[in-house]
Amino acid sequence: MSKVKKNIYDVLRGGFLINESSFKNWRMIFFIVVLLLIMISSAHSSDKKVLEISELNKLKRELRAIYIDTQTTLMRMKMESNIRQRAKMTGLQPSKTPPKRIKVINNE
């Protein structure tokens, strides 16, 4: 059997884990496993944050629509014609005499 085939069989069978210099191999395997776990956890964390951002953007759009709708309703309520109409319902009428200005002169 050639040396390349022997090395491939040794890796496939796991012989590199049980020979004399296996301590170096185990340390490298543990290091790689720790790196993989960190990578997987960071991927899950970033996916969770992406979902949270998309939900917050959806909520922001809904709240903005409610704000615009409320602002439009308020503008309609503040129109002079609506105020006059509501005042008529309660029995109030516009004044027939215009308001007078009061000037205060301070002699100090």
PDB file of N, CA and C in Angstrom:
ATOM      1  N   MET A   1       0.843  -1.167   0.000  1.00  0.00           N
ATOM      2  CA  MET A   1       0.000   0.000   0.000  1.00  0.00           C
ATOM      3  C   MET A   1       0.898   1.242   0.000  1.00  0.00           C
ATOM      4  N   SER A   2       0.544   2.220  -0.815  1.00  0.00           N
ATOM      5  CA  SER A   2       1.376   3.417  -0.898  1.00  0.00           C
ATOM      6  C   SER A   2       1.179   4.273   0.350  1.00  0.00           C
ATOM      7  N   LYS A   3       2.090   5.197   0.542  1.00  0.00           N
ATOM      8  CA  LYS A   3       2.074   6.044   1.734  1.00  0.00           C
ATOM      9  C   LYS A   3       0.848   6.972   1.725  1.00  0.00           C
ATOM     10  N   VAL A   4       0.439   7.459   0.546  1.00  0.00           N
ATOM     11  CA  VAL A   4      -0.715   8.353   0.442  1.00  0.00           C
ATOM     12  C   VAL A   4      -1.982   7.597   0.838  1.00  0.00           C
ATOM     13  N   LYS A   5      -2.146   6.365   0.332  1.00  0.00           N
ATOM     14  CA  LYS A   5      -3.323   5.560   0.682  1.00  0.00           C
ATOM     15  C   LYS A   5      -3.336   5.266   2.174  1.00  0.00           C
ATOM     16  N   LYS A   6      -2.163   4.964   2.728  1.00  0.00           N
ATOM     17  CA  LYS A   6      -2.084   4.655   4.153  1.00  0.00           C
ATOM     18  C   LYS A   6      -2.504   5.876   4.987  1.00  0.00           C
ATOM     19  N   ASN A   7      -2.065   7.059   4.603  1.00  0.00           N
ATOM     20  CA  ASN A   7      -2.429   8.274   5.328  1.00  0.00           C
ATOM     21  C   ASN A   7      -3.926   8.564   5.209  1.00  0.00           C
ATOM     22  N   ILE A   8      -4.492   8.341   4.034  1.00  0.00           N
ATOM     23  CA  ILE A   8      -5.929   8.571   3.849  1.00  0.00           C
ATOM     24  C   ILE A   8      -6.721   7.599   4.710  1.00  0.00           C
ATOM     25  N   TYR A   9      -6.335   6.307   4.691  1.00  0.00           N
ATOM     26  CA  TYR A   9      -7.025   5.323   5.529  1.00  0.00           C
ATOM     27  C   TYR A   9      -6.870   5.645   7.010  1.00  0.00           C
ATOM     28  N   ASP A  10      -5.706   6.131   7.367  1.00  0.00           N
ATOM     29  CA  ASP A  10      -5.447   6.479   8.766  1.00  0.00           C
ATOM     30  C   ASP A  10      -6.377   7.623   9.202  1.00  0.00           C
ATOM     31  N   VAL A  11      -6.570   8.611   8.342  1.00  0.00           N
ATOM     32  CA  VAL A  11      -7.454   9.734   8.674  1.00  0.00           C
ATOM     33  C   VAL A  11      -8.905   9.249   8.729  1.00  0.00           C
ATOM     34  N   LEU A  12      -9.320   8.443   7.765  1.00  0.00           N
ATOM     35  CA  LEU A  12     -10.704   7.966   7.731  1.00  0.00           C
ATOM     36  C   LEU A  12     -11.046   7.067   8.914  1.00  0.00           C
ATOM     37  N   ARG A  13     -10.118   6.265   9.346  1.00  0.00           N
ATOM     38  CA  ARG A  13     -10.364   5.382  10.491  1.00  0.00           C
ATOM     39  C   ARG A  13     -10.217   6.097  11.826  1.00  0.00           C
ATOM     40  N   GLY A  14      -9.602   7.237  11.833  1.00  0.00           N
ATOM     41  CA  GLY A  14      -9.408   7.963  13.076  1.00  0.00           C
ATOM     42  C   GLY A  14      -8.131   7.572  13.771  1.00  0.00           C
ATOM     43  N   GLY A  15      -7.226   6.984  13.069  1.00  0.00           N
ATOM     44  CA  GLY A  15      -5.951   6.555  13.651  1.00  0.00           C
ATOM     45  C   GLY A  15      -5.123   7.724  14.149  1.00  0.00           C
ATOM     46  N   PHE A  16      -5.314   8.876  13.560  1.00  0.00           N
ATOM     47  CA  PHE A  16      -4.550  10.049  13.995  1.00  0.00           C
ATOM     48  C   PHE A  16      -4.955  10.503  15.391  1.00  0.00           C
ATOM     49  N   LEU A  17      -6.070   9.967  15.891  1.00  0.00           N
ATOM     50  CA  LEU A  17      -6.523  10.347  17.228  1.00  0.00           C
ATOM     51  C   LEU A  17      -5.977   9.432  18.324  1.00  0.00           C
ATOM     52  N   ILE A  18      -5.470   8.259  17.931  1.00  0.00           N
ATOM     53  CA  ILE A  18      -5.039   7.297  18.962  1.00  0.00           C
ATOM     54  C   ILE A  18      -3.548   6.991  18.936  1.00  0.00           C
ATOM     55  N   ASN A  19      -2.798   7.604  18.057  1.00  0.00           N
ATOM     56  CA  ASN A  19      -1.359   7.316  18.046  1.00  0.00           C
ATOM     57  C   ASN A  19      -0.637   8.139  19.115  1.00  0.00           C
ATOM     58  N   GLU A  20       0.688   8.042  19.150  1.00  0.00           N
ATOM     59  CA  GLU A  20       1.464   8.667  20.219  1.00  0.00           C
ATOM     60  C   GLU A  20       1.368  10.192  20.227  1.00  0.00           C
ATOM     61  N   SER A  21       1.333  10.800  19.069  1.00  0.00           N
ATOM     62  CA  SER A  21       1.306  12.266  19.011  1.00  0.00           C
ATOM     63  C   SER A  21      -0.126  12.795  18.897  1.00  0.00           C
ATOM     64  N   SER A  22      -1.075  12.030  19.440  1.00  0.00           N
ATOM     65  CA  SER A  22      -2.476  12.428  19.299  1.00  0.00           C
ATOM     66  C   SER A  22      -2.853  13.630  20.175  1.00  0.00           C
ATOM     67  N   PHE A  23      -2.064  13.912  21.213  1.00  0.00           N
ATOM     68  CA  PHE A  23      -2.395  15.045  22.082  1.00  0.00           C
ATOM     69  C   PHE A  23      -2.406  16.356  21.291  1.00  0.00           C
ATOM     70  N   LYS A  24      -1.447  16.521  20.383  1.00  0.00           N
ATOM     71  CA  LYS A  24      -1.423  17.713  19.536  1.00  0.00           C
ATOM     72  C   LYS A  24      -2.670  17.750  18.651  1.00  0.00           C
ATOM     73  N   ASN A  25      -3.080  16.619  18.146  1.00  0.00           N
ATOM     74  CA  ASN A  25      -4.264  16.548  17.283  1.00  0.00           C
ATOM     75  C   ASN A  25      -5.534  16.894  18.072  1.00  0.00           C
ATOM     76  N   TRP A  26      -5.632  16.365  19.292  1.00  0.00           N
ATOM     77  CA  TRP A  26      -6.837  16.644  20.098  1.00  0.00           C
ATOM     78  C   TRP A  26      -6.948  18.128  20.429  1.00  0.00           C
ATOM     79  N   ARG A  27      -5.803  18.739  20.737  1.00  0.00           N
ATOM     80  CA  ARG A  27      -5.840  20.177  21.013  1.00  0.00           C
ATOM     81  C   ARG A  27      -6.328  20.963  19.803  1.00  0.00           C
ATOM     82  N   MET A  28      -5.860  20.605  18.622  1.00  0.00           N
ATOM     83  CA  MET A  28      -6.282  21.286  17.397  1.00  0.00           C
ATOM     84  C   MET A  28      -7.767  21.030  17.142  1.00  0.00           C
ATOM     85  N   ILE A  29      -8.239  19.819  17.363  1.00  0.00           N
ATOM     86  CA  ILE A  29      -9.652  19.483  17.155  1.00  0.00           C
ATOM     87  C   ILE A  29     -10.531  20.279  18.124  1.00  0.00           C
ATOM     88  N   PHE A  30     -10.136  20.357  19.388  1.00  0.00           N
ATOM     89  CA  PHE A  30     -10.913  21.139  20.359  1.00  0.00           C
ATOM     90  C   PHE A  30     -10.947  22.622  19.961  1.00  0.00           C
ATOM     91  N   PHE A  31      -9.815  23.131  19.494  1.00  0.00           N
ATOM     92  CA  PHE A  31      -9.753  24.523  19.061  1.00  0.00           C
ATOM     93  C   PHE A  31     -10.698  24.766  17.887  1.00  0.00           C
ATOM     94  N   ILE A  32     -10.693  23.867  16.924  1.00  0.00           N
ATOM     95  CA  ILE A  32     -11.563  23.998  15.753  1.00  0.00           C
ATOM     96  C   ILE A  32     -13.026  23.883  16.164  1.00  0.00           C
ATOM     97  N   VAL A  33     -13.342  22.970  17.088  1.00  0.00           N
ATOM     98  CA  VAL A  33     -14.730  22.814  17.554  1.00  0.00           C
ATOM     99  C   VAL A  33     -15.195  24.083  18.260  1.00  0.00           C
ATOM    100  N   VAL A  34     -14.347  24.668  19.081  1.00  0.00           N
ATOM    101  CA  VAL A  34     -14.707  25.910  19.772  1.00  0.00           C
ATOM    102  C   VAL A  34     -14.948  27.030  18.760  1.00  0.00           C
ATOM    103  N   LEU A  35     -14.087  27.126  17.755  1.00  0.00           N
ATOM    104  CA  LEU A  35     -14.293  28.136  16.715  1.00  0.00           C
ATOM    105  C   LEU A  35     -15.601  27.901  15.964  1.00  0.00           C
ATOM    106  N   LEU A  36     -15.917  26.657  15.670  1.00  0.00           N
ATOM    107  CA  LEU A  36     -17.172  26.344  14.980  1.00  0.00           C
ATOM    108  C   LEU A  36     -18.380  26.708  15.835  1.00  0.00           C
ATOM    109  N   LEU A  37     -18.310  26.428  17.137  1.00  0.00           N
ATOM    110  CA  LEU A  37     -19.419  26.781  18.021  1.00  0.00           C
ATOM    111  C   LEU A  37     -19.608  28.296  18.094  1.00  0.00           C
ATOM    112  N   ILE A  38     -18.504  29.022  18.153  1.00  0.00           N
ATOM    113  CA  ILE A  38     -18.599  30.481  18.166  1.00  0.00           C
ATOM    114  C   ILE A  38     -19.200  30.990  16.866  1.00  0.00           C
ATOM    115  N   MET A  39     -18.796  30.409  15.745  1.00  0.00           N
ATOM    116  CA  MET A  39     -19.324  30.824  14.451  1.00  0.00           C
ATOM    117  C   MET A  39     -20.819  30.541  14.348  1.00  0.00           C
ATOM    118  N   ILE A  40     -21.240  29.369  14.804  1.00  0.00           N
ATOM    119  CA  ILE A  40     -22.663  29.016  14.747  1.00  0.00           C
ATOM    120  C   ILE A  40     -23.485  29.937  15.643  1.00  0.00           C
ATOM    121  N   SER A  41     -23.003  30.206  16.851  1.00  0.00           N
ATOM    122  CA  SER A  41     -23.760  31.073  17.759  1.00  0.00           C
ATOM    123  C   SER A  41     -23.841  32.500  17.222  1.00  0.00           C
ATOM    124  N   SER A  42     -22.770  32.990  16.613  1.00  0.00           N
ATOM    125  CA  SER A  42     -22.830  34.345  16.050  1.00  0.00           C
ATOM    126  C   SER A  42     -23.767  34.397  14.843  1.00  0.00           C
ATOM    127  N   ALA A  43     -23.838  33.327  14.059  1.00  0.00           N
ATOM    128  CA  ALA A  43     -24.770  33.287  12.922  1.00  0.00           C
ATOM    129  C   ALA A  43     -26.213  33.307  13.418  1.00  0.00           C
ATOM    130  N   HIS A  44     -26.493  32.532  14.465  1.00  0.00           N
ATOM    131  CA  HIS A  44     -27.848  32.534  15.029  1.00  0.00           C
ATOM    132  C   HIS A  44     -28.197  33.909  15.613  1.00  0.00           C
ATOM    133  N   SER A  45     -27.232  34.507  16.278  1.00  0.00           N
ATOM    134  CA  SER A  45     -27.462  35.826  16.870  1.00  0.00           C
ATOM    135  C   SER A  45     -27.745  36.861  15.788  1.00  0.00           C
ATOM    136  N   SER A  46     -26.991  36.830  14.712  1.00  0.00           N
ATOM    137  CA  SER A  46     -27.222  37.811  13.637  1.00  0.00           C
ATOM    138  C   SER A  46     -28.555  37.559  12.946  1.00  0.00           C
ATOM    139  N   ASP A  47     -28.955  36.297  12.774  1.00  0.00           N
ATOM    140  CA  ASP A  47     -30.271  35.998  12.196  1.00  0.00           C
ATOM    141  C   ASP A  47     -31.388  36.536  13.084  1.00  0.00           C
ATOM    142  N   LYS A  48     -31.235  36.354  14.390  1.00  0.00           N
ATOM    143  CA  LYS A  48     -32.235  36.851  15.332  1.00  0.00           C
ATOM    144  C   LYS A  48     -32.343  38.373  15.264  1.00  0.00           C
ATOM    145  N   LYS A  49     -31.197  39.043  15.139  1.00  0.00           N
ATOM    146  CA  LYS A  49     -31.203  40.500  15.055  1.00  0.00           C
ATOM    147  C   LYS A  49     -31.831  40.977  13.749  1.00  0.00           C
ATOM    148  N   VAL A  50     -31.594  40.267  12.657  1.00  0.00           N
ATOM    149  CA  VAL A  50     -32.199  40.637  11.375  1.00  0.00           C
ATOM    150  C   VAL A  50     -33.717  40.528  11.463  1.00  0.00           C
ATOM    151  N   LEU A  51     -34.216  39.455  12.078  1.00  0.00           N
ATOM    152  CA  LEU A  51     -35.662  39.295  12.243  1.00  0.00           C
ATOM    153  C   LEU A  51     -36.234  40.402  13.125  1.00  0.00           C
ATOM    154  N   GLU A  52     -35.538  40.740  14.192  1.00  0.00           N
ATOM    155  CA  GLU A  52     -36.006  41.796  15.088  1.00  0.00           C
ATOM    156  C   GLU A  52     -36.039  43.149  14.367  1.00  0.00           C
ATOM    157  N   ILE A  53     -35.029  43.412  13.559  1.00  0.00           N
ATOM    158  CA  ILE A  53     -34.992  44.670  12.806  1.00  0.00           C
ATOM    159  C   ILE A  53     -36.144  44.741  11.820  1.00  0.00           C
ATOM    160  N   SER A  54     -36.440  43.629  11.144  1.00  0.00           N
ATOM    161  CA  SER A  54     -37.542  43.648  10.181  1.00  0.00           C
ATOM    162  C   SER A  54     -38.888  43.852  10.882  1.00  0.00           C
ATOM    163  N   GLU A  55     -39.063  43.248  12.053  1.00  0.00           N
ATOM    164  CA  GLU A  55     -40.311  43.460  12.802  1.00  0.00           C
ATOM    165  C   GLU A  55     -40.420  44.904  13.286  1.00  0.00           C
ATOM    166  N   LEU A  56     -39.311  45.485  13.723  1.00  0.00           N
ATOM    167  CA  LEU A  56     -39.330  46.875  14.169  1.00  0.00           C
ATOM    168  C   LEU A  56     -39.622  47.827  13.003  1.00  0.00           C
ATOM    169  N   ASN A  57     -39.081  47.520  11.828  1.00  0.00           N
ATOM    170  CA  ASN A  57     -39.381  48.352  10.656  1.00  0.00           C
ATOM    171  C   ASN A  57     -40.857  48.269  10.289  1.00  0.00           C
ATOM    172  N   LYS A  58     -41.425  47.077  10.400  1.00  0.00           N
ATOM    173  CA  LYS A  58     -42.854  46.910  10.115  1.00  0.00           C
ATOM    174  C   LYS A  58     -43.688  47.712  11.118  1.00  0.00           C
ATOM    175  N   LEU A  59     -43.328  47.636  12.389  1.00  0.00           N
ATOM    176  CA  LEU A  59     -44.031  48.398  13.426  1.00  0.00           C
ATOM    177  C   LEU A  59     -43.885  49.897  13.189  1.00  0.00           C
ATOM    178  N   LYS A  60     -42.680  50.326  12.763  1.00  0.00           N
ATOM    179  CA  LYS A  60     -42.448  51.746  12.492  1.00  0.00           C
ATOM    180  C   LYS A  60     -43.353  52.232  11.358  1.00  0.00           C
ATOM    181  N   ARG A  61     -43.492  51.430  10.301  1.00  0.00           N
ATOM    182  CA  ARG A  61     -44.363  51.820   9.190  1.00  0.00           C
ATOM    183  C   ARG A  61     -45.816  51.917   9.643  1.00  0.00           C
ATOM    184  N   GLU A  62     -46.253  50.967  10.481  1.00  0.00           N
ATOM    185  CA  GLU A  62     -47.632  51.007  10.986  1.00  0.00           C
ATOM    186  C   GLU A  62     -47.867  52.247  11.847  1.00  0.00           C
ATOM    187  N   LEU A  63     -46.928  52.537  12.745  1.00  0.00           N
ATOM    188  CA  LEU A  63     -47.068  53.709  13.619  1.00  0.00           C
ATOM    189  C   LEU A  63     -47.028  55.003  12.818  1.00  0.00           C
ATOM    190  N   ARG A  64     -46.212  55.043  11.789  1.00  0.00           N
ATOM    191  CA  ARG A  64     -46.160  56.245  10.935  1.00  0.00           C
ATOM    192  C   ARG A  64     -47.498  56.445  10.220  1.00  0.00           C
ATOM    193  N   ALA A  65     -48.105  55.344   9.752  1.00  0.00           N
ATOM    194  CA  ALA A  65     -49.411  55.453   9.089  1.00  0.00           C
ATOM    195  C   ALA A  65     -50.470  55.956  10.068  1.00  0.00           C
ATOM    196  N   ILE A  66     -50.435  55.454  11.299  1.00  0.00           N
ATOM    197  CA  ILE A  66     -51.382  55.917  12.324  1.00  0.00           C
ATOM    198  C   ILE A  66     -51.148  57.396  12.615  1.00  0.00           C
ATOM    199  N   TYR A  67     -49.884  57.808  12.708  1.00  0.00           N
ATOM    200  CA  TYR A  67     -49.553  59.215  12.976  1.00  0.00           C
ATOM    201  C   TYR A  67     -50.091  60.116  11.862  1.00  0.00           C
ATOM    202  N   ILE A  68     -49.868  59.722  10.620  1.00  0.00           N
ATOM    203  CA  ILE A  68     -50.336  60.545   9.490  1.00  0.00           C
ATOM    204  C   ILE A  68     -51.856  60.610   9.480  1.00  0.00           C
ATOM    205  N   ASP A  69     -52.514  59.486   9.760  1.00  0.00           N
ATOM    206  CA  ASP A  69     -53.976  59.463   9.803  1.00  0.00           C
ATOM    207  C   ASP A  69     -54.503  60.370  10.914  1.00  0.00           C
ATOM    208  N   THR A  70     -53.894  60.315  12.080  1.00  0.00           N
ATOM    209  CA  THR A  70     -54.305  61.154  13.205  1.00  0.00           C
ATOM    210  C   THR A  70     -54.049  62.630  12.899  1.00  0.00           C
ATOM    211  N   GLN A  71     -52.923  62.927  12.270  1.00  0.00           N
ATOM    212  CA  GLN A  71     -52.599  64.304  11.925  1.00  0.00           C
ATOM    213  C   GLN A  71     -53.617  64.846  10.913  1.00  0.00           C
ATOM    214  N   THR A  72     -54.022  64.027   9.940  1.00  0.00           N
ATOM    215  CA  THR A  72     -55.018  64.452   8.961  1.00  0.00           C
ATOM    216  C   THR A  72     -56.352  64.726   9.636  1.00  0.00           C
ATOM    217  N   THR A  73     -56.751  63.847  10.542  1.00  0.00           N
ATOM    218  CA  THR A  73     -58.004  64.047  11.281  1.00  0.00           C
ATOM    219  C   THR A  73     -57.955  65.338  12.093  1.00  0.00           C
ATOM    220  N   LEU A  74     -56.844  65.591  12.743  1.00  0.00           N
ATOM    221  CA  LEU A  74     -56.695  66.814  13.531  1.00  0.00           C
ATOM    222  C   LEU A  74     -56.776  68.058  12.654  1.00  0.00           C
ATOM    223  N   MET A  75     -56.140  68.011  11.490  1.00  0.00           N
ATOM    224  CA  MET A  75     -56.187  69.169  10.588  1.00  0.00           C
ATOM    225  C   MET A  75     -57.625  69.435  10.132  1.00  0.00           C
ATOM    226  N   ARG A  76     -58.377  68.376   9.875  1.00  0.00           N
ATOM    227  CA  ARG A  76     -59.773  68.558   9.484  1.00  0.00           C
ATOM    228  C   ARG A  76     -60.591  69.141  10.637  1.00  0.00           C
ATOM    229  N   MET A  77     -60.297  68.704  11.862  1.00  0.00           N
ATOM    230  CA  MET A  77     -61.034  69.208  13.016  1.00  0.00           C
ATOM    231  C   MET A  77     -60.712  70.685  13.271  1.00  0.00           C
ATOM    232  N   LYS A  78     -59.519  71.143  12.929  1.00  0.00           N
ATOM    233  CA  LYS A  78     -59.105  72.516  13.180  1.00  0.00           C
ATOM    234  C   LYS A  78     -59.565  73.487  12.095  1.00  0.00           C
ATOM    235  N   MET A  79     -60.150  72.983  11.029  1.00  0.00           N
ATOM    236  CA  MET A  79     -60.612  73.876   9.962  1.00  0.00           C
ATOM    237  C   MET A  79     -61.730  74.774  10.478  1.00  0.00           C
ATOM    238  N   GLU A  80     -61.742  76.022  10.021  1.00  0.00           N
ATOM    239  CA  GLU A  80     -62.704  77.005  10.513  1.00  0.00           C
ATOM    240  C   GLU A  80     -64.137  76.572  10.242  1.00  0.00           C
ATOM    241  N   SER A  81     -64.384  75.957   9.089  1.00  0.00           N
ATOM    242  CA  SER A  81     -65.755  75.528   8.771  1.00  0.00           C
ATOM    243  C   SER A  81     -66.249  74.474   9.763  1.00  0.00           C
ATOM    244  N   ASN A  82     -65.384  73.548  10.155  1.00  0.00           N
ATOM    245  CA  ASN A  82     -65.787  72.534  11.137  1.00  0.00           C
ATOM    246  C   ASN A  82     -66.023  73.159  12.507  1.00  0.00           C
ATOM    247  N   ILE A  83     -65.194  74.109  12.885  1.00  0.00           N
ATOM    248  CA  ILE A  83     -65.366  74.763  14.185  1.00  0.00           C
ATOM    249  C   ILE A  83     -66.677  75.549  14.208  1.00  0.00           C
ATOM    250  N   ARG A  84     -66.977  76.270  13.120  1.00  0.00           N
ATOM    251  CA  ARG A  84     -68.245  77.005  13.060  1.00  0.00           C
ATOM    252  C   ARG A  84     -69.435  76.052  13.145  1.00  0.00           C
ATOM    253  N   GLN A  85     -69.332  74.930  12.444  1.00  0.00           N
ATOM    254  CA  GLN A  85     -70.436  73.959  12.450  1.00  0.00           C
ATOM    255  C   GLN A  85     -70.655  73.387  13.851  1.00  0.00           C
ATOM    256  N   ARG A  86     -69.597  73.048  14.545  1.00  0.00           N
ATOM    257  CA  ARG A  86     -69.745  72.524  15.913  1.00  0.00           C
ATOM    258  C   ARG A  86     -70.236  73.604  16.870  1.00  0.00           C
ATOM    259  N   ALA A  87     -69.815  74.856  16.643  1.00  0.00           N
ATOM    260  CA  ALA A  87     -70.275  75.947  17.497  1.00  0.00           C
ATOM    261  C   ALA A  87     -71.774  76.181  17.290  1.00  0.00           C
ATOM    262  N   LYS A  88     -72.262  76.049  16.057  1.00  0.00           N
ATOM    263  CA  LYS A  88     -73.693  76.211  15.788  1.00  0.00           C
ATOM    264  C   LYS A  88     -74.500  75.142  16.511  1.00  0.00           C
ATOM    265  N   MET A  89     -73.974  73.930  16.576  1.00  0.00           N
ATOM    266  CA  MET A  89     -74.684  72.835  17.262  1.00  0.00           C
ATOM    267  C   MET A  89     -74.865  73.147  18.737  1.00  0.00           C
ATOM    268  N   THR A  90     -73.903  73.817  19.335  1.00  0.00           N
ATOM    269  CA  THR A  90     -74.011  74.152  20.764  1.00  0.00           C
ATOM    270  C   THR A  90     -74.723  75.482  20.989  1.00  0.00           C
ATOM    271  N   GLY A  91     -75.059  76.188  19.913  1.00  0.00           N
ATOM    272  CA  GLY A  91     -75.797  77.447  20.056  1.00  0.00           C
ATOM    273  C   GLY A  91     -74.927  78.677  20.032  1.00  0.00           C
ATOM    274  N   LEU A  92     -73.660  78.553  19.781  1.00  0.00           N
ATOM    275  CA  LEU A  92     -72.771  79.711  19.708  1.00  0.00           C
ATOM    276  C   LEU A  92     -72.804  80.294  18.304  1.00  0.00           C
ATOM    277  N   GLN A  93     -72.673  81.633  18.233  1.00  0.00           N
ATOM    278  CA  GLN A  93     -72.653  82.296  16.937  1.00  0.00           C
ATOM    279  C   GLN A  93     -71.469  83.249  16.896  1.00  0.00           C
ATOM    280  N   PRO A  94     -71.003  83.566  15.691  1.00  0.00           N
ATOM    281  CA  PRO A  94     -69.890  84.517  15.621  1.00  0.00           C
ATOM    282  C   PRO A  94     -70.323  85.903  16.098  1.00  0.00           C
ATOM    283  N   SER A  95     -69.387  86.653  16.632  1.00  0.00           N
ATOM    284  CA  SER A  95     -69.665  87.995  17.145  1.00  0.00           C
ATOM    285  C   SER A  95     -69.995  88.935  15.985  1.00  0.00           C
ATOM    286  N   LYS A  96     -70.938  89.828  16.206  1.00  0.00           N
ATOM    287  CA  LYS A  96     -71.317  90.778  15.169  1.00  0.00           C
ATOM    288  C   LYS A  96     -70.421  92.013  15.193  1.00  0.00           C
ATOM    289  N   THR A  97     -69.802  92.301  16.338  1.00  0.00           N
ATOM    290  CA  THR A  97     -68.880  93.427  16.430  1.00  0.00           C
ATOM    291  C   THR A  97     -67.455  92.889  16.467  1.00  0.00           C
ATOM    292  N   PRO A  98     -66.552  93.521  15.750  1.00  0.00           N
ATOM    293  CA  PRO A  98     -65.177  93.026  15.742  1.00  0.00           C
ATOM    294  C   PRO A  98     -64.491  93.278  17.084  1.00  0.00           C
ATOM    295  N   PRO A  99     -63.476  92.518  17.409  1.00  0.00           N
ATOM    296  CA  PRO A  99     -62.763  92.724  18.668  1.00  0.00           C
ATOM    297  C   PRO A  99     -61.968  94.027  18.647  1.00  0.00           C
ATOM    298  N   LYS A 100     -61.764  94.614  19.822  1.00  0.00           N
ATOM    299  CA  LYS A 100     -61.004  95.858  19.947  1.00  0.00           C
ATOM    300  C   LYS A 100     -59.649  95.544  20.571  1.00  0.00           C
ATOM    301  N   ARG A 101     -58.652  96.288  20.122  1.00  0.00           N
ATOM    302  CA  ARG A 101     -57.319  96.110  20.674  1.00  0.00           C
ATOM    303  C   ARG A 101     -57.179  96.919  21.951  1.00  0.00           C
ATOM    304  N   ILE A 102     -56.505  96.357  22.892  1.00  0.00           N
ATOM    305  CA  ILE A 102     -56.226  97.046  24.148  1.00  0.00           C
ATOM    306  C   ILE A 102     -54.724  97.292  24.184  1.00  0.00           C
ATOM    307  N   LYS A 103     -54.334  98.551  24.284  1.00  0.00           N
ATOM    308  CA  LYS A 103     -52.931  98.895  24.357  1.00  0.00           C
ATOM    309  C   LYS A 103     -52.579  99.219  25.799  1.00  0.00           C
ATOM    310  N   VAL A 104     -51.512  98.623  26.252  1.00  0.00           N
ATOM    311  CA  VAL A 104     -51.023  98.870  27.607  1.00  0.00           C
ATOM    312  C   VAL A 104     -49.745  99.669  27.477  1.00  0.00           C
ATOM    313  N   ILE A 105     -49.724 100.833  28.081  1.00  0.00           N
ATOM    314  CA  ILE A 105     -48.527 101.679  28.043  1.00  0.00           C
ATOM    315  C   ILE A 105     -47.889 101.621  29.410  1.00  0.00           C
ATOM    316  N   ASN A 106     -46.663 101.243  29.431  1.00  0.00           N
ATOM    317  CA  ASN A 106     -45.913 101.088  30.671  1.00  0.00           C
ATOM    318  C   ASN A 106     -45.012 102.305  30.839  1.00  0.00           C
ATOM    319  N   ASN A 107     -45.230 103.111  31.861  1.00  0.00           N
ATOM    320  CA  ASN A 107     -44.454 104.337  32.085  1.00  0.00           C
ATOM    321  C   ASN A 107     -43.386 104.103  33.157  1.00  0.00           C
ATOM    322  N   GLU A 108     -42.440 103.339  32.882  1.00  0.00           N
ATOM    323  CA  GLU A 108     -41.371 103.120  33.866  1.00  0.00           C
ATOM    324  C   GLU A 108     -40.082 103.714  33.446  1.00  0.00           C
TER     325      GLU A 108
END
